[in-house]
Amino acid sequence: MLSTASELRLTTYTAPMDDYYLYKMGVRKTPTKKPSQNILPLMRQVIESLEIERPHGYSDAVCILLDMGGKARKQFEQSFHRIRKRAARTKGLYDFTMYSEESKTGSTVMAAATLSIEELVTRLQDAYEQKRRQRGYKRWLFLANQVHPSGLILKMRVIDMPSGQ
């Protein structure tokens, strides 16, 4: 015989945020740490750089990065480190591309030590149409990174294509 439930309770997945803000408002007496996402160091540096520079579309770029799950963030971090090291060592041009089937979004990151940031952006724009057609995605994030001893020199562009193109 199957038992039947006489009561069903749905809970939220926001308990850590609720606890934090209820404490801040004085409703809750037990202190709790402010919830935060696990953002790896290089991704955090990219996001902070975009937030400081505030190029057109930067909030879309940050959202694309933050929408990545844990595995994708780790892959992004490892791939970005790898191409930056190779570009610095060999003075070549390197890139990697990641895809999200769920959100139908692509991301391409390009790094070079000897090309200007403007040349990198031009190469990224040229690569965009080919990558977009290959996958059929409408949204794409491009990050150009000039490897430089003084830090992260980035340019970015988010492409949102209208449906049907």
C-alpha atoms as a PDB file:
ATOM      1  CA  MET A   1       0.000   0.000   0.000  1.00  0.00           C
ATOM      2  CA  LEU A   2       1.321   3.432  -0.922  1.00  0.00           C
ATOM      3  CA  SER A   3       1.312   6.101   1.716  1.00  0.00           C
ATOM      4  CA  THR A   4       0.108   9.538   0.803  1.00  0.00           C
ATOM      5  CA  ALA A   5       1.587  12.795   1.873  1.00  0.00           C
ATOM      6  CA  SER A   6      -0.707  15.004   3.855  1.00  0.00           C
ATOM      7  CA  GLU A   7       1.573  18.006   3.640  1.00  0.00           C
ATOM      8  CA  LEU A   8       4.021  19.250   1.055  1.00  0.00           C
ATOM      9  CA  ARG A   9       6.579  21.921   1.852  1.00  0.00           C
ATOM     10  CA  LEU A  10       8.584  23.611  -0.821  1.00  0.00           C
ATOM     11  CA  THR A  11      11.764  25.279   0.279  1.00  0.00           C
ATOM     12  CA  THR A  12      13.960  27.736  -1.520  1.00  0.00           C
ATOM     13  CA  TYR A  13      17.537  27.327  -2.567  1.00  0.00           C
ATOM     14  CA  THR A  14      18.343  30.744  -1.184  1.00  0.00           C
ATOM     15  CA  ALA A  15      18.757  29.882   2.528  1.00  0.00           C
ATOM     16  CA  PRO A  16      22.344  31.227   2.725  1.00  0.00           C
ATOM     17  CA  MET A  17      21.267  34.559   1.180  1.00  0.00           C
ATOM     18  CA  ASP A  18      18.138  34.695   3.345  1.00  0.00           C
ATOM     19  CA  ASP A  19      20.199  34.010   6.480  1.00  0.00           C
ATOM     20  CA  TYR A  20      22.731  36.713   5.610  1.00  0.00           C
ATOM     21  CA  TYR A  21      20.199  39.446   4.827  1.00  0.00           C
ATOM     22  CA  LEU A  22      17.921  38.540   7.740  1.00  0.00           C
ATOM     23  CA  TYR A  23      20.932  38.951  10.032  1.00  0.00           C
ATOM     24  CA  LYS A  24      21.821  42.293   8.387  1.00  0.00           C
ATOM     25  CA  MET A  25      18.212  43.470   8.925  1.00  0.00           C
ATOM     26  CA  GLY A  26      18.300  42.402  12.591  1.00  0.00           C
ATOM     27  CA  VAL A  27      15.666  39.655  12.211  1.00  0.00           C
ATOM     28  CA  ARG A  28      18.195  36.861  12.703  1.00  0.00           C
ATOM     29  CA  LYS A  29      20.568  36.917  15.685  1.00  0.00           C
ATOM     30  CA  THR A  30      23.170  34.400  14.471  1.00  0.00           C
ATOM     31  CA  PRO A  31      25.833  36.023  12.245  1.00  0.00           C
ATOM     32  CA  THR A  32      26.553  34.404   8.901  1.00  0.00           C
ATOM     33  CA  LYS A  33      29.021  35.056   6.105  1.00  0.00           C
ATOM     34  CA  LYS A  34      27.861  36.829   2.976  1.00  0.00           C
ATOM     35  CA  PRO A  35      27.314  34.210   0.246  1.00  0.00           C
ATOM     36  CA  SER A  36      29.533  34.462  -2.798  1.00  0.00           C
ATOM     37  CA  GLN A  37      30.302  32.573  -5.963  1.00  0.00           C
ATOM     38  CA  ASN A  38      33.477  30.562  -6.328  1.00  0.00           C
ATOM     39  CA  ILE A  39      35.334  32.663  -8.879  1.00  0.00           C
ATOM     40  CA  LEU A  40      38.850  31.519  -9.730  1.00  0.00           C
ATOM     41  CA  PRO A  41      41.635  34.155  -9.642  1.00  0.00           C
ATOM     42  CA  LEU A  42      42.166  34.764 -13.370  1.00  0.00           C
ATOM     43  CA  MET A  43      38.430  34.900 -14.084  1.00  0.00           C
ATOM     44  CA  ARG A  44      38.057  37.358 -11.184  1.00  0.00           C
ATOM     45  CA  GLN A  45      40.866  39.455 -12.688  1.00  0.00           C
ATOM     46  CA  VAL A  46      39.127  39.465 -16.089  1.00  0.00           C
ATOM     47  CA  ILE A  47      35.798  40.470 -14.522  1.00  0.00           C
ATOM     48  CA  GLU A  48      37.394  43.214 -12.426  1.00  0.00           C
ATOM     49  CA  SER A  49      39.262  44.538 -15.465  1.00  0.00           C
ATOM     50  CA  LEU A  50      35.998  44.702 -17.439  1.00  0.00           C
ATOM     51  CA  GLU A  51      34.226  46.409 -14.539  1.00  0.00           C
ATOM     52  CA  ILE A  52      36.958  49.051 -14.307  1.00  0.00           C
ATOM     53  CA  GLU A  53      37.149  49.744 -18.054  1.00  0.00           C
ATOM     54  CA  ARG A  54      33.380  49.402 -18.632  1.00  0.00           C
ATOM     55  CA  PRO A  55      33.504  48.828 -22.406  1.00  0.00           C
ATOM     56  CA  HIS A  56      30.195  48.681 -24.279  1.00  0.00           C
ATOM     57  CA  GLY A  57      28.539  45.342 -23.435  1.00  0.00           C
ATOM     58  CA  TYR A  58      30.785  44.552 -20.470  1.00  0.00           C
ATOM     59  CA  SER A  59      27.868  43.548 -18.225  1.00  0.00           C
ATOM     60  CA  ASP A  60      26.798  40.970 -20.843  1.00  0.00           C
ATOM     61  CA  ALA A  61      30.371  39.652 -20.909  1.00  0.00           C
ATOM     62  CA  VAL A  62      30.477  39.381 -17.116  1.00  0.00           C
ATOM     63  CA  CYS A  63      27.127  37.557 -17.111  1.00  0.00           C
ATOM     64  CA  ILE A  64      28.387  35.078 -19.712  1.00  0.00           C
ATOM     65  CA  LEU A  65      31.433  34.371 -17.549  1.00  0.00           C
ATOM     66  CA  LEU A  66      29.433  34.072 -14.322  1.00  0.00           C
ATOM     67  CA  ASP A  67      26.879  31.779 -15.982  1.00  0.00           C
ATOM     68  CA  MET A  68      29.607  29.174 -16.424  1.00  0.00           C
ATOM     69  CA  GLY A  69      29.356  26.224 -14.065  1.00  0.00           C
ATOM     70  CA  GLY A  70      32.225  24.996 -11.903  1.00  0.00           C
ATOM     71  CA  LYS A  71      33.767  22.708 -14.537  1.00  0.00           C
ATOM     72  CA  ALA A  72      33.535  25.351 -17.252  1.00  0.00           C
ATOM     73  CA  ARG A  73      35.101  27.975 -14.971  1.00  0.00           C
ATOM     74  CA  LYS A  74      37.995  25.657 -14.223  1.00  0.00           C
ATOM     75  CA  GLN A  75      38.425  24.900 -17.943  1.00  0.00           C
ATOM     76  CA  PHE A  76      38.322  28.646 -18.723  1.00  0.00           C
ATOM     77  CA  GLU A  77      40.955  29.367 -16.070  1.00  0.00           C
ATOM     78  CA  GLN A  78      43.277  26.556 -17.181  1.00  0.00           C
ATOM     79  CA  SER A  79      42.921  27.359 -20.882  1.00  0.00           C
ATOM     80  CA  PHE A  80      43.468  31.082 -20.338  1.00  0.00           C
ATOM     81  CA  HIS A  81      46.616  30.431 -18.271  1.00  0.00           C
ATOM     82  CA  ARG A  82      47.893  28.007 -20.916  1.00  0.00           C
ATOM     83  CA  ILE A  83      47.501  30.364 -23.901  1.00  0.00           C
ATOM     84  CA  ARG A  84      48.952  33.323 -21.991  1.00  0.00           C
ATOM     85  CA  LYS A  85      52.048  31.314 -21.025  1.00  0.00           C
ATOM     86  CA  ARG A  86      52.503  29.999 -24.560  1.00  0.00           C
ATOM     87  CA  ALA A  87      52.074  33.457 -26.087  1.00  0.00           C
ATOM     88  CA  ALA A  88      54.622  34.944 -23.685  1.00  0.00           C
ATOM     89  CA  ARG A  89      57.116  32.129 -24.295  1.00  0.00           C
ATOM     90  CA  THR A  90      56.863  31.753 -28.083  1.00  0.00           C
ATOM     91  CA  LYS A  91      55.567  35.223 -29.061  1.00  0.00           C
ATOM     92  CA  GLY A  92      52.847  33.435 -31.049  1.00  0.00           C
ATOM     93  CA  LEU A  93      49.096  33.870 -31.250  1.00  0.00           C
ATOM     94  CA  TYR A  94      46.929  31.381 -29.338  1.00  0.00           C
ATOM     95  CA  ASP A  95      43.242  30.999 -28.661  1.00  0.00           C
ATOM     96  CA  PHE A  96      40.656  28.716 -27.187  1.00  0.00           C
ATOM     97  CA  THR A  97      36.909  28.459 -27.613  1.00  0.00           C
ATOM     98  CA  MET A  98      34.288  27.153 -25.223  1.00  0.00           C
ATOM     99  CA  TYR A  99      30.646  26.364 -25.927  1.00  0.00           C
ATOM    100  CA  SER A 100      27.528  26.157 -23.806  1.00  0.00           C
ATOM    101  CA  GLU A 101      24.879  24.021 -25.459  1.00  0.00           C
ATOM    102  CA  GLU A 102      22.449  24.935 -22.687  1.00  0.00           C
ATOM    103  CA  SER A 103      22.606  28.695 -23.283  1.00  0.00           C
ATOM    104  CA  LYS A 104      23.666  28.467 -26.956  1.00  0.00           C
ATOM    105  CA  THR A 105      26.593  30.767 -26.171  1.00  0.00           C
ATOM    106  CA  GLY A 106      30.181  30.594 -27.352  1.00  0.00           C
ATOM    107  CA  SER A 107      33.290  32.204 -25.920  1.00  0.00           C
ATOM    108  CA  THR A 108      36.604  32.710 -27.690  1.00  0.00           C
ATOM    109  CA  VAL A 109      39.715  34.045 -25.979  1.00  0.00           C
ATOM    110  CA  MET A 110      42.795  35.050 -27.959  1.00  0.00           C
ATOM    111  CA  ALA A 111      46.208  35.940 -26.532  1.00  0.00           C
ATOM    112  CA  ALA A 112      49.398  37.271 -28.085  1.00  0.00           C
ATOM    113  CA  ALA A 113      52.484  39.056 -26.814  1.00  0.00           C
ATOM    114  CA  THR A 114      53.662  40.759 -30.001  1.00  0.00           C
ATOM    115  CA  LEU A 115      50.416  41.885 -31.646  1.00  0.00           C
ATOM    116  CA  SER A 116      48.736  45.097 -30.580  1.00  0.00           C
ATOM    117  CA  ILE A 117      45.407  44.822 -28.845  1.00  0.00           C
ATOM    118  CA  GLU A 118      43.788  46.398 -31.923  1.00  0.00           C
ATOM    119  CA  GLU A 119      45.247  43.679 -34.185  1.00  0.00           C
ATOM    120  CA  LEU A 120      43.949  41.025 -31.807  1.00  0.00           C
ATOM    121  CA  VAL A 121      40.459  42.523 -31.895  1.00  0.00           C
ATOM    122  CA  THR A 122      40.526  42.525 -35.716  1.00  0.00           C
ATOM    123  CA  ARG A 123      41.540  38.857 -35.765  1.00  0.00           C
ATOM    124  CA  LEU A 124      38.795  38.013 -33.282  1.00  0.00           C
ATOM    125  CA  GLN A 125      36.196  39.777 -35.408  1.00  0.00           C
ATOM    126  CA  ASP A 126      37.381  37.873 -38.473  1.00  0.00           C
ATOM    127  CA  ALA A 127      37.141  34.583 -36.583  1.00  0.00           C
ATOM    128  CA  TYR A 128      33.654  35.387 -35.256  1.00  0.00           C
ATOM    129  CA  GLU A 129      31.625  34.722 -38.383  1.00  0.00           C
ATOM    130  CA  GLN A 130      33.344  31.393 -39.006  1.00  0.00           C
ATOM    131  CA  LYS A 131      32.817  30.208 -35.406  1.00  0.00           C
ATOM    132  CA  ARG A 132      29.214  31.450 -35.309  1.00  0.00           C
ATOM    133  CA  ARG A 133      28.336  29.625 -38.523  1.00  0.00           C
ATOM    134  CA  GLN A 134      30.009  26.435 -37.316  1.00  0.00           C
ATOM    135  CA  ARG A 135      27.906  26.286 -34.155  1.00  0.00           C
ATOM    136  CA  GLY A 136      24.819  28.212 -35.184  1.00  0.00           C
ATOM    137  CA  TYR A 137      24.872  30.196 -31.923  1.00  0.00           C
ATOM    138  CA  LYS A 138      23.491  33.709 -31.757  1.00  0.00           C
ATOM    139  CA  ARG A 139      25.546  34.897 -28.772  1.00  0.00           C
ATOM    140  CA  TRP A 140      29.308  35.004 -28.566  1.00  0.00           C
ATOM    141  CA  LEU A 141      31.850  36.520 -26.182  1.00  0.00           C
ATOM    142  CA  PHE A 142      35.261  37.490 -27.555  1.00  0.00           C
ATOM    143  CA  LEU A 143      38.149  38.429 -25.304  1.00  0.00           C
ATOM    144  CA  ALA A 144      41.415  39.693 -26.773  1.00  0.00           C
ATOM    145  CA  ASN A 145      44.338  39.568 -24.348  1.00  0.00           C
ATOM    146  CA  GLN A 146      47.643  41.258 -25.050  1.00  0.00           C
ATOM    147  CA  VAL A 147      50.112  39.432 -22.812  1.00  0.00           C
ATOM    148  CA  HIS A 148      52.055  42.159 -21.067  1.00  0.00           C
ATOM    149  CA  PRO A 149      54.312  42.215 -17.973  1.00  0.00           C
ATOM    150  CA  SER A 150      52.257  45.037 -16.453  1.00  0.00           C
ATOM    151  CA  GLY A 151      49.151  42.875 -16.240  1.00  0.00           C
ATOM    152  CA  LEU A 152      46.001  42.023 -18.093  1.00  0.00           C
ATOM    153  CA  ILE A 153      45.348  44.125 -21.201  1.00  0.00           C
ATOM    154  CA  LEU A 154      41.915  43.157 -22.492  1.00  0.00           C
ATOM    155  CA  LYS A 155      39.430  44.151 -25.116  1.00  0.00           C
ATOM    156  CA  MET A 156      36.094  42.411 -25.382  1.00  0.00           C
ATOM    157  CA  ARG A 157      33.054  42.200 -27.553  1.00  0.00           C
ATOM    158  CA  VAL A 158      29.758  40.417 -27.108  1.00  0.00           C
ATOM    159  CA  ILE A 159      27.883  39.584 -30.293  1.00  0.00           C
ATOM    160  CA  ASP A 160      24.123  39.059 -30.084  1.00  0.00           C
ATOM    161  CA  MET A 161      22.656  38.149 -33.442  1.00  0.00           C
ATOM    162  CA  PRO A 162      18.949  38.526 -34.115  1.00  0.00           C
ATOM    163  CA  SER A 163      17.051  35.279 -34.590  1.00  0.00           C
ATOM    164  CA  GLY A 164      17.102  33.901 -38.105  1.00  0.00           C
ATOM    165  CA  GLN A 165      20.634  35.037 -38.944  1.00  0.00           C
END
